[in-house]
């Protein structure tokens, strides 16, 4: 391992940051789906079981990808140790190869990306 004379952590590989961001977004997407499944189940729609089934299908796909990402985290020595939801957005702190990193996403970005992820699942 190279020694940094400025005591700064080494720059992380962009792929690692993208894995962590995707994991955090998928986690938020799971919470959104859980909320929507409860709402659909309690709403007076004509086909609540159909809508709930569709949402659960999306949820299953998200959970499978989360499991695959956790496996990649183990292989890449990545560990998320804190996610904080604030008024302005979501902040995640994680460790990658022994060094701590963090990033934040504003809520409008999180919402748009969660919607984009779900749309991508529907296309496949």
N, C-alpha and C. Protein backbone atom coordinates (compact mmCIF):
# COMPACT_ATOMS: atom_id res chain seq x y z
N UNK A 1 0.85 -1.18 0.00
CA UNK A 1 0.00 0.00 0.00
C UNK A 1 0.89 1.24 0.00
N UNK A 2 0.57 2.18 -0.84
CA UNK A 2 1.37 3.39 -0.94
C UNK A 2 1.11 4.29 0.26
N UNK A 3 2.15 4.97 0.70
CA UNK A 3 2.03 5.89 1.83
C UNK A 3 1.83 7.28 1.26
N UNK A 4 0.84 7.98 1.79
CA UNK A 4 0.54 9.33 1.35
C UNK A 4 1.17 10.30 2.33
N UNK A 5 2.05 11.16 1.84
CA UNK A 5 2.78 12.07 2.71
C UNK A 5 1.88 13.12 3.34
N UNK A 6 0.73 13.42 2.75
CA UNK A 6 -0.18 14.42 3.28
C UNK A 6 -1.20 13.83 4.26
N UNK A 7 -1.09 12.54 4.56
CA UNK A 7 -2.03 11.83 5.42
C UNK A 7 -3.47 11.89 4.91
N UNK A 8 -3.62 12.02 3.64
CA UNK A 8 -4.94 12.00 3.01
C UNK A 8 -5.24 10.58 2.55
N UNK A 9 -6.51 10.14 2.67
CA UNK A 9 -6.82 8.80 2.18
C UNK A 9 -6.63 8.75 0.67
N UNK A 10 -6.30 7.57 0.15
CA UNK A 10 -6.12 7.46 -1.30
C UNK A 10 -7.45 7.70 -2.01
N UNK A 11 -7.35 8.19 -3.21
CA UNK A 11 -8.55 8.43 -3.99
C UNK A 11 -9.20 7.08 -4.27
N UNK A 12 -10.50 7.02 -4.04
CA UNK A 12 -11.19 5.76 -4.28
C UNK A 12 -11.47 5.60 -5.77
N UNK A 13 -11.63 4.38 -6.16
CA UNK A 13 -11.96 4.08 -7.55
C UNK A 13 -13.41 4.49 -7.77
N UNK A 14 -13.71 5.12 -8.88
CA UNK A 14 -15.07 5.58 -9.18
C UNK A 14 -16.09 4.46 -9.11
N UNK A 15 -15.68 3.26 -9.48
CA UNK A 15 -16.57 2.10 -9.45
C UNK A 15 -17.06 1.84 -8.03
N UNK A 16 -16.17 1.98 -7.06
CA UNK A 16 -16.53 1.73 -5.66
C UNK A 16 -17.56 2.74 -5.17
N UNK A 17 -17.36 4.00 -5.50
CA UNK A 17 -18.32 5.03 -5.12
C UNK A 17 -19.67 4.77 -5.77
N UNK A 18 -19.66 4.37 -7.03
CA UNK A 18 -20.91 4.07 -7.73
C UNK A 18 -21.63 2.88 -7.11
N UNK A 19 -20.89 1.87 -6.67
CA UNK A 19 -21.51 0.72 -5.98
C UNK A 19 -22.21 1.18 -4.71
N UNK A 20 -21.53 2.02 -3.94
CA UNK A 20 -22.10 2.49 -2.67
C UNK A 20 -23.33 3.36 -2.95
N UNK A 21 -23.24 4.26 -3.91
CA UNK A 21 -24.39 5.11 -4.24
C UNK A 21 -25.58 4.26 -4.68
N UNK A 22 -25.33 3.29 -5.52
CA UNK A 22 -26.41 2.43 -6.00
C UNK A 22 -27.04 1.67 -4.83
N UNK A 23 -26.21 1.17 -3.92
CA UNK A 23 -26.71 0.44 -2.77
C UNK A 23 -27.61 1.34 -1.91
N UNK A 24 -27.16 2.55 -1.65
CA UNK A 24 -27.95 3.49 -0.84
C UNK A 24 -29.26 3.84 -1.55
N UNK A 25 -29.19 4.07 -2.86
CA UNK A 25 -30.40 4.38 -3.62
C UNK A 25 -31.37 3.20 -3.63
N UNK A 26 -30.84 1.99 -3.77
CA UNK A 26 -31.71 0.81 -3.75
C UNK A 26 -32.34 0.62 -2.38
N UNK A 27 -31.60 0.92 -1.33
CA UNK A 27 -32.17 0.85 0.01
C UNK A 27 -33.33 1.82 0.17
N UNK A 28 -33.16 3.03 -0.33
CA UNK A 28 -34.24 4.02 -0.26
C UNK A 28 -35.40 3.58 -1.15
N UNK A 29 -35.11 3.00 -2.29
CA UNK A 29 -36.15 2.50 -3.19
C UNK A 29 -36.96 1.41 -2.50
N UNK A 30 -36.31 0.56 -1.73
CA UNK A 30 -37.01 -0.49 -0.97
C UNK A 30 -37.97 0.14 0.03
N UNK A 31 -37.52 1.19 0.70
CA UNK A 31 -38.40 1.86 1.67
C UNK A 31 -39.59 2.51 0.97
N UNK A 32 -39.35 3.08 -0.20
CA UNK A 32 -40.44 3.68 -0.97
C UNK A 32 -41.44 2.61 -1.38
N UNK A 33 -40.94 1.47 -1.87
CA UNK A 33 -41.83 0.39 -2.28
C UNK A 33 -42.63 -0.16 -1.10
N UNK A 34 -41.98 -0.31 0.06
CA UNK A 34 -42.70 -0.77 1.25
C UNK A 34 -43.86 0.17 1.57
N UNK A 35 -43.59 1.46 1.51
CA UNK A 35 -44.63 2.46 1.77
C UNK A 35 -45.77 2.34 0.76
N UNK A 36 -45.42 2.26 -0.51
CA UNK A 36 -46.44 2.20 -1.56
C UNK A 36 -47.25 0.90 -1.49
N UNK A 37 -46.61 -0.20 -1.11
CA UNK A 37 -47.34 -1.47 -0.96
C UNK A 37 -48.38 -1.34 0.14
N UNK A 38 -48.02 -0.71 1.26
CA UNK A 38 -48.99 -0.49 2.34
C UNK A 38 -50.14 0.39 1.88
N UNK A 39 -49.83 1.44 1.13
CA UNK A 39 -50.84 2.38 0.66
C UNK A 39 -51.80 1.68 -0.31
N UNK A 40 -51.25 0.95 -1.26
CA UNK A 40 -52.08 0.26 -2.25
C UNK A 40 -52.97 -0.77 -1.58
N UNK A 41 -52.42 -1.49 -0.60
CA UNK A 41 -53.21 -2.49 0.10
C UNK A 41 -54.39 -1.90 0.85
N UNK A 42 -54.27 -0.67 1.28
CA UNK A 42 -55.33 -0.02 2.06
C UNK A 42 -56.20 0.90 1.21
N UNK A 43 -55.89 1.05 -0.06
CA UNK A 43 -56.65 1.99 -0.89
C UNK A 43 -57.86 1.31 -1.53
N UNK A 44 -58.85 2.10 -1.89
CA UNK A 44 -60.08 1.53 -2.48
C UNK A 44 -59.98 1.34 -4.00
N UNK A 45 -58.86 0.85 -4.49
CA UNK A 45 -58.72 0.62 -5.93
C UNK A 45 -59.49 -0.64 -6.33
N UNK A 46 -59.75 -0.77 -7.58
CA UNK A 46 -60.49 -1.92 -8.10
C UNK A 46 -59.65 -3.19 -8.13
N UNK A 47 -58.33 -3.03 -8.29
CA UNK A 47 -57.44 -4.19 -8.41
C UNK A 47 -56.26 -4.10 -7.44
N UNK A 48 -56.53 -4.01 -6.15
CA UNK A 48 -55.41 -3.81 -5.21
C UNK A 48 -54.41 -4.96 -5.20
N UNK A 49 -54.87 -6.20 -5.36
CA UNK A 49 -53.93 -7.34 -5.34
C UNK A 49 -53.00 -7.29 -6.54
N UNK A 50 -53.53 -6.89 -7.70
CA UNK A 50 -52.68 -6.78 -8.89
C UNK A 50 -51.59 -5.74 -8.68
N UNK A 51 -51.97 -4.55 -8.21
CA UNK A 51 -50.99 -3.48 -8.01
C UNK A 51 -49.97 -3.86 -6.94
N UNK A 52 -50.45 -4.48 -5.88
CA UNK A 52 -49.55 -4.91 -4.82
C UNK A 52 -48.58 -5.97 -5.35
N UNK A 53 -49.08 -6.88 -6.17
CA UNK A 53 -48.24 -7.93 -6.75
C UNK A 53 -47.16 -7.32 -7.66
N UNK A 54 -47.54 -6.32 -8.44
CA UNK A 54 -46.57 -5.65 -9.31
C UNK A 54 -45.48 -4.97 -8.49
N UNK A 55 -45.89 -4.28 -7.43
CA UNK A 55 -44.91 -3.60 -6.58
C UNK A 55 -44.01 -4.61 -5.87
N UNK A 56 -44.57 -5.73 -5.44
CA UNK A 56 -43.77 -6.76 -4.77
C UNK A 56 -42.77 -7.40 -5.76
N UNK A 57 -43.17 -7.51 -7.02
CA UNK A 57 -42.24 -8.01 -8.03
C UNK A 57 -41.05 -7.07 -8.20
N UNK A 58 -41.32 -5.77 -8.22
CA UNK A 58 -40.23 -4.79 -8.29
C UNK A 58 -39.36 -4.88 -7.03
N UNK A 59 -40.02 -5.02 -5.90
CA UNK A 59 -39.31 -5.12 -4.64
C UNK A 59 -38.37 -6.34 -4.63
N UNK A 60 -38.84 -7.45 -5.14
CA UNK A 60 -38.00 -8.65 -5.20
C UNK A 60 -36.75 -8.42 -6.04
N UNK A 61 -36.90 -7.73 -7.15
CA UNK A 61 -35.75 -7.45 -8.02
C UNK A 61 -34.76 -6.53 -7.33
N UNK A 62 -35.28 -5.53 -6.61
CA UNK A 62 -34.40 -4.62 -5.87
C UNK A 62 -33.64 -5.39 -4.79
N UNK A 63 -34.34 -6.25 -4.06
CA UNK A 63 -33.71 -7.02 -2.99
C UNK A 63 -32.63 -7.96 -3.53
N UNK A 64 -32.88 -8.55 -4.71
CA UNK A 64 -31.86 -9.41 -5.32
C UNK A 64 -30.60 -8.61 -5.68
N UNK A 65 -30.81 -7.41 -6.21
CA UNK A 65 -29.64 -6.59 -6.56
C UNK A 65 -28.90 -6.14 -5.30
N UNK A 66 -29.64 -5.82 -4.24
CA UNK A 66 -28.99 -5.45 -2.98
C UNK A 66 -28.12 -6.60 -2.46
N UNK A 67 -28.61 -7.82 -2.56
CA UNK A 67 -27.83 -8.98 -2.12
C UNK A 67 -26.56 -9.12 -2.96
N UNK A 68 -26.68 -8.91 -4.26
CA UNK A 68 -25.50 -9.00 -5.14
C UNK A 68 -24.49 -7.89 -4.79
N UNK A 69 -24.99 -6.71 -4.48
CA UNK A 69 -24.09 -5.61 -4.10
C UNK A 69 -23.39 -5.91 -2.78
N UNK A 70 -24.10 -6.50 -1.83
CA UNK A 70 -23.46 -6.86 -0.55
C UNK A 70 -22.31 -7.85 -0.79
N UNK A 71 -22.50 -8.76 -1.72
CA UNK A 71 -21.43 -9.71 -2.06
C UNK A 71 -20.24 -8.97 -2.65
N UNK A 72 -20.50 -8.01 -3.53
CA UNK A 72 -19.41 -7.21 -4.11
C UNK A 72 -18.71 -6.39 -3.03
N UNK A 73 -19.48 -5.90 -2.04
CA UNK A 73 -18.88 -5.14 -0.94
C UNK A 73 -17.89 -6.01 -0.18
N UNK A 74 -18.27 -7.25 0.10
CA UNK A 74 -17.37 -8.15 0.83
C UNK A 74 -16.09 -8.38 0.02
N UNK A 75 -16.25 -8.57 -1.28
CA UNK A 75 -15.09 -8.83 -2.14
C UNK A 75 -14.20 -7.60 -2.29
N UNK A 76 -14.78 -6.41 -2.20
CA UNK A 76 -14.03 -5.16 -2.40
C UNK A 76 -13.67 -4.47 -1.09
N UNK A 77 -13.97 -5.09 0.05
CA UNK A 77 -13.69 -4.51 1.36
C UNK A 77 -14.36 -3.15 1.53
N UNK A 78 -15.67 -3.11 1.26
CA UNK A 78 -16.48 -1.91 1.42
C UNK A 78 -17.51 -2.18 2.51
N UNK A 79 -17.69 -1.19 3.39
CA UNK A 79 -18.68 -1.33 4.45
C UNK A 79 -19.35 0.02 4.68
N UNK A 80 -20.68 0.05 4.56
CA UNK A 80 -21.44 1.25 4.88
C UNK A 80 -21.74 1.19 6.37
N UNK A 81 -21.40 2.25 7.09
CA UNK A 81 -21.62 2.21 8.52
C UNK A 81 -22.57 3.29 9.02
N UNK A 82 -23.03 4.19 8.16
CA UNK A 82 -23.98 5.20 8.62
C UNK A 82 -24.73 5.79 7.43
N UNK A 83 -26.03 5.86 7.56
CA UNK A 83 -26.88 6.57 6.61
C UNK A 83 -27.75 7.52 7.43
N UNK A 84 -27.72 8.79 7.08
CA UNK A 84 -28.47 9.79 7.81
C UNK A 84 -29.41 10.51 6.86
N UNK A 85 -30.69 10.51 7.22
CA UNK A 85 -31.69 11.26 6.47
C UNK A 85 -31.88 12.60 7.14
N UNK A 86 -31.65 13.65 6.39
CA UNK A 86 -31.81 15.00 6.93
C UNK A 86 -32.87 15.76 6.16
N UNK A 87 -33.04 16.99 6.54
CA UNK A 87 -34.03 17.85 5.89
C UNK A 87 -33.70 18.04 4.41
N UNK A 88 -32.43 18.15 4.11
CA UNK A 88 -32.01 18.45 2.74
C UNK A 88 -31.70 17.24 1.90
N UNK A 89 -31.44 16.10 2.53
CA UNK A 89 -31.10 14.93 1.74
C UNK A 89 -30.59 13.78 2.58
N UNK A 90 -29.88 12.91 1.92
CA UNK A 90 -29.39 11.67 2.50
C UNK A 90 -27.86 11.69 2.47
N UNK A 91 -27.24 11.35 3.60
CA UNK A 91 -25.79 11.28 3.69
C UNK A 91 -25.40 9.87 4.08
N UNK A 92 -24.40 9.34 3.42
CA UNK A 92 -23.90 8.00 3.74
C UNK A 92 -22.42 8.09 4.05
N UNK A 93 -22.02 7.38 5.09
CA UNK A 93 -20.61 7.25 5.44
C UNK A 93 -20.24 5.79 5.28
N UNK A 94 -19.08 5.54 4.70
CA UNK A 94 -18.67 4.17 4.43
C UNK A 94 -17.17 4.05 4.48
N UNK A 95 -16.74 2.82 4.57
CA UNK A 95 -15.33 2.51 4.62
C UNK A 95 -14.97 1.70 3.38
N UNK A 96 -13.89 2.08 2.74
CA UNK A 96 -13.43 1.38 1.55
C UNK A 96 -11.94 1.16 1.69
N UNK A 97 -11.54 -0.11 1.73
CA UNK A 97 -10.13 -0.49 1.90
C UNK A 97 -9.49 0.20 3.10
N UNK A 98 -10.25 0.30 4.18
CA UNK A 98 -9.71 0.83 5.43
C UNK A 98 -9.82 2.34 5.60
N UNK A 99 -10.29 3.05 4.59
CA UNK A 99 -10.41 4.50 4.69
C UNK A 99 -11.87 4.91 4.68
N UNK A 100 -12.19 5.93 5.46
CA UNK A 100 -13.57 6.42 5.52
C UNK A 100 -13.83 7.46 4.43
N UNK A 101 -15.03 7.36 3.87
CA UNK A 101 -15.50 8.30 2.86
C UNK A 101 -16.95 8.63 3.17
N UNK A 102 -17.46 9.68 2.53
CA UNK A 102 -18.88 10.00 2.67
C UNK A 102 -19.35 10.73 1.42
N UNK A 103 -20.65 10.73 1.24
CA UNK A 103 -21.26 11.51 0.17
C UNK A 103 -22.69 11.85 0.58
N UNK A 104 -23.23 12.86 -0.06
CA UNK A 104 -24.60 13.29 0.21
C UNK A 104 -25.35 13.41 -1.10
N UNK A 105 -26.66 13.19 -1.02
CA UNK A 105 -27.54 13.35 -2.18
C UNK A 105 -28.76 14.13 -1.72
N UNK A 106 -29.15 15.13 -2.49
CA UNK A 106 -30.36 15.88 -2.15
C UNK A 106 -31.59 15.04 -2.48
N UNK A 107 -32.70 15.32 -1.78
CA UNK A 107 -33.90 14.49 -1.92
C UNK A 107 -34.44 14.46 -3.34
N UNK A 108 -34.39 15.57 -4.05
CA UNK A 108 -34.93 15.56 -5.42
C UNK A 108 -34.13 14.60 -6.30
N UNK A 109 -32.83 14.51 -6.08
CA UNK A 109 -31.99 13.56 -6.82
C UNK A 109 -32.34 12.13 -6.42
N UNK A 110 -32.48 11.87 -5.12
CA UNK A 110 -32.82 10.53 -4.64
C UNK A 110 -34.14 10.08 -5.24
N UNK A 111 -35.13 10.95 -5.22
CA UNK A 111 -36.46 10.62 -5.77
C UNK A 111 -36.37 10.32 -7.26
N UNK A 112 -35.68 11.18 -8.00
CA UNK A 112 -35.55 10.99 -9.45
C UNK A 112 -34.79 9.70 -9.78
N UNK A 113 -33.74 9.41 -9.04
CA UNK A 113 -32.96 8.20 -9.29
C UNK A 113 -33.73 6.94 -8.91
N UNK A 114 -34.49 7.00 -7.82
CA UNK A 114 -35.31 5.85 -7.43
C UNK A 114 -36.34 5.56 -8.53
N UNK A 115 -36.93 6.60 -9.06
CA UNK A 115 -37.90 6.43 -10.15
C UNK A 115 -37.23 5.87 -11.40
N UNK A 116 -36.03 6.37 -11.70
CA UNK A 116 -35.29 5.88 -12.87
C UNK A 116 -34.94 4.39 -12.70
N UNK A 117 -34.50 4.01 -11.51
CA UNK A 117 -34.17 2.61 -11.25
C UNK A 117 -35.40 1.71 -11.45
N UNK A 118 -36.53 2.13 -10.90
CA UNK A 118 -37.74 1.32 -11.03
C UNK A 118 -38.21 1.22 -12.48
N UNK A 119 -38.09 2.31 -13.22
CA UNK A 119 -38.45 2.27 -14.64
C UNK A 119 -37.54 1.29 -15.40
N UNK A 120 -36.26 1.29 -15.05
CA UNK A 120 -35.33 0.37 -15.71
C UNK A 120 -35.72 -1.09 -15.41
N UNK A 121 -36.14 -1.38 -14.21
CA UNK A 121 -36.58 -2.72 -13.87
C UNK A 121 -37.82 -3.12 -14.68
N UNK A 122 -38.68 -2.16 -14.93
CA UNK A 122 -39.91 -2.45 -15.69
C UNK A 122 -39.62 -2.73 -17.17
N UNK A 123 -38.54 -2.17 -17.70
CA UNK A 123 -38.21 -2.35 -19.12
C UNK A 123 -37.65 -3.72 -19.41
N UNK A 124 -37.02 -4.33 -18.43
CA UNK A 124 -36.35 -5.62 -18.67
C UNK A 124 -37.36 -6.74 -18.70
